[in-house]
C-alpha atoms as a PDB file:
ATOM      1  CA  MET A   1      32.695   5.878  18.931  1.00  0.00           C
ATOM      2  CA  ARG A   2      31.088   8.078  16.243  1.00  0.00           C
ATOM      3  CA  ALA A   3      30.525   5.198  13.793  1.00  0.00           C
ATOM      4  CA  ILE A   4      28.435   3.395  16.842  1.00  0.00           C
ATOM      5  CA  PHE A   5      26.291   6.425  17.164  1.00  0.00           C
ATOM      6  CA  VAL A   6      25.659   6.535  13.226  1.00  0.00           C
ATOM      7  CA  VAL A   7      24.900   2.823  13.206  1.00  0.00           C
ATOM      8  CA  LEU A   8      22.315   3.325  16.450  1.00  0.00           C
ATOM      9  CA  ALA A   9      20.788   6.339  14.687  1.00  0.00           C
ATOM     10  CA  LEU A  10      20.297   4.270  11.487  1.00  0.00           C
ATOM     11  CA  LEU A  11      18.737   1.421  13.301  1.00  0.00           C
ATOM     12  CA  ILE A  12      16.375   3.627  15.287  1.00  0.00           C
ATOM     13  CA  THR A  13      15.191   5.602  12.390  1.00  0.00           C
ATOM     14  CA  ALA A  14      14.696   2.527  10.146  1.00  0.00           C
ATOM     15  CA  GLY A  15      12.586   1.053  12.797  1.00  0.00           C
ATOM     16  CA  CYS A  16      10.228   3.973  12.998  1.00  0.00           C
ATOM     17  CA  GLN A  17       9.674   4.233   9.131  1.00  0.00           C
ATOM     18  CA  GLN A  18       7.199   1.421   8.255  1.00  0.00           C
ATOM     19  CA  GLU A  19       5.155   1.043   4.967  1.00  0.00           C
ATOM     20  CA  THR A  20       1.911  -0.480   4.627  1.00  0.00           C
ATOM     21  CA  GLU A  21       0.938  -2.363   1.636  1.00  0.00           C
ATOM     22  CA  ILE A  22      -2.243  -4.174   0.617  1.00  0.00           C
ATOM     23  CA  THR A  23      -0.833  -7.292   1.592  1.00  0.00           C
ATOM     24  CA  GLY A  24      -2.891  -7.634   4.939  1.00  0.00           C
ATOM     25  CA  SER A  25      -5.676 -10.161   5.251  1.00  0.00           C
ATOM     26  CA  THR A  26      -8.319  -7.339   5.797  1.00  0.00           C
ATOM     27  CA  SER A  27      -7.756  -5.443   2.825  1.00  0.00           C
ATOM     28  CA  ASN A  28      -7.445  -8.675   0.833  1.00  0.00           C
ATOM     29  CA  MET A  29     -10.700  -9.899   2.034  1.00  0.00           C
ATOM     30  CA  CYS A  30     -12.402  -6.751   1.212  1.00  0.00           C
ATOM     31  CA  ALA A  31     -10.709  -6.732  -2.491  1.00  0.00           C
ATOM     32  CA  ILE A  32     -12.096 -10.358  -2.961  1.00  0.00           C
ATOM     33  CA  ASP A  33     -15.383  -9.322  -1.651  1.00  0.00           C
ATOM     34  CA  LEU A  34     -15.715  -6.740  -4.464  1.00  0.00           C
ATOM     35  CA  PHE A  35     -13.976  -8.849  -7.184  1.00  0.00           C
ATOM     36  CA  PRO A  36     -13.788 -12.709  -6.694  1.00  0.00           C
ATOM     37  CA  SER A  37     -10.868 -12.539  -9.094  1.00  0.00           C
ATOM     38  CA  TYR A  38      -9.490  -9.383  -8.026  1.00  0.00           C
ATOM     39  CA  ASN A  39      -6.469  -8.230 -10.540  1.00  0.00           C
ATOM     40  CA  PRO A  40      -4.459  -5.346  -9.044  1.00  0.00           C
ATOM     41  CA  LYS A  41      -3.145  -4.538 -12.444  1.00  0.00           C
ATOM     42  CA  ASN A  42      -6.621  -3.593 -13.667  1.00  0.00           C
ATOM     43  CA  LEU A  43      -7.111   0.083 -13.183  1.00  0.00           C
ATOM     44  CA  ASN A  44     -11.088   0.031 -12.568  1.00  0.00           C
ATOM     45  CA  GLN A  45     -10.719  -2.970 -10.028  1.00  0.00           C
ATOM     46  CA  CYS A  46      -7.740  -1.208  -8.256  1.00  0.00           C
ATOM     47  CA  LEU A  47      -9.609   2.200  -8.107  1.00  0.00           C
ATOM     48  CA  ALA A  48     -12.546   0.634  -6.804  1.00  0.00           C
ATOM     49  CA  VAL A  49     -10.621  -1.400  -4.030  1.00  0.00           C
ATOM     50  CA  CYS A  50      -8.692   1.588  -3.004  1.00  0.00           C
ATOM     51  CA  SER A  51     -11.580   3.870  -2.595  1.00  0.00           C
ATOM     52  CA  LYS A  52     -13.755   1.309  -0.420  1.00  0.00           C
ATOM     53  CA  CYS A  53     -11.221  -0.605   1.402  1.00  0.00           C
ATOM     54  CA  ASP A  54      -8.551   1.885   1.975  1.00  0.00           C
ATOM     55  CA  ARG A  55     -11.150   4.666   1.848  1.00  0.00           C
ATOM     56  CA  GLY A  56      -9.118   6.407  -0.686  1.00  0.00           C
ATOM     57  CA  THR A  57      -9.947   9.640  -2.781  1.00  0.00           C
ATOM     58  CA  THR A  58     -10.090   9.515  -6.426  1.00  0.00           C
ATOM     59  CA  VAL A  59      -6.739  11.556  -6.805  1.00  0.00           C
ATOM     60  CA  THR A  60      -4.778   9.411  -4.219  1.00  0.00           C
ATOM     61  CA  CYS A  61      -6.299   5.983  -5.541  1.00  0.00           C
ATOM     62  CA  SER A  62      -5.634   6.997  -9.244  1.00  0.00           C
ATOM     63  CA  THR A  63      -2.195   7.922  -8.591  1.00  0.00           C
ATOM     64  CA  SER A  64      -1.817   4.701  -6.082  1.00  0.00           C
ATOM     65  CA  CYS A  65      -3.094   2.200  -8.607  1.00  0.00           C
ATOM     66  CA  LYS A  66      -0.720   4.021 -11.605  1.00  0.00           C
ATOM     67  CA  LEU A  67       2.408   3.758  -9.571  1.00  0.00           C
ATOM     68  CA  ARG A  68       1.709   0.069  -8.725  1.00  0.00           C
ATOM     69  CA  GLY A  69       1.528  -0.739 -12.418  1.00  0.00           C
ATOM     70  CA  ALA A  70      -2.296  -0.727 -12.994  1.00  0.00           C
ATOM     71  CA  GLY A  71      -3.238   0.589 -16.341  1.00  0.00           C
END
C-alpha cells in the first residue's frame, strides 16, 4: 500500500514540473527574425535573442546562454 502511495506521489509531482525551452515556434521565429542563421552557441546572438524574445535581463541571459554552451 505504501509503495502505491509513493508511486502516485511521484507521478503527481512529475506532472507539475515542466521546463520550458527555446524549442517553441514563437521563440524560434523571433530568433530567426533577429538572425537568419541563428547560432545559439554564439554568445552575442544568444544574449540578443534571450533579451528580446524571452524578455530576459543581462544577468539571467548571460547565465542562461553560458549554461547552454554559448561562448
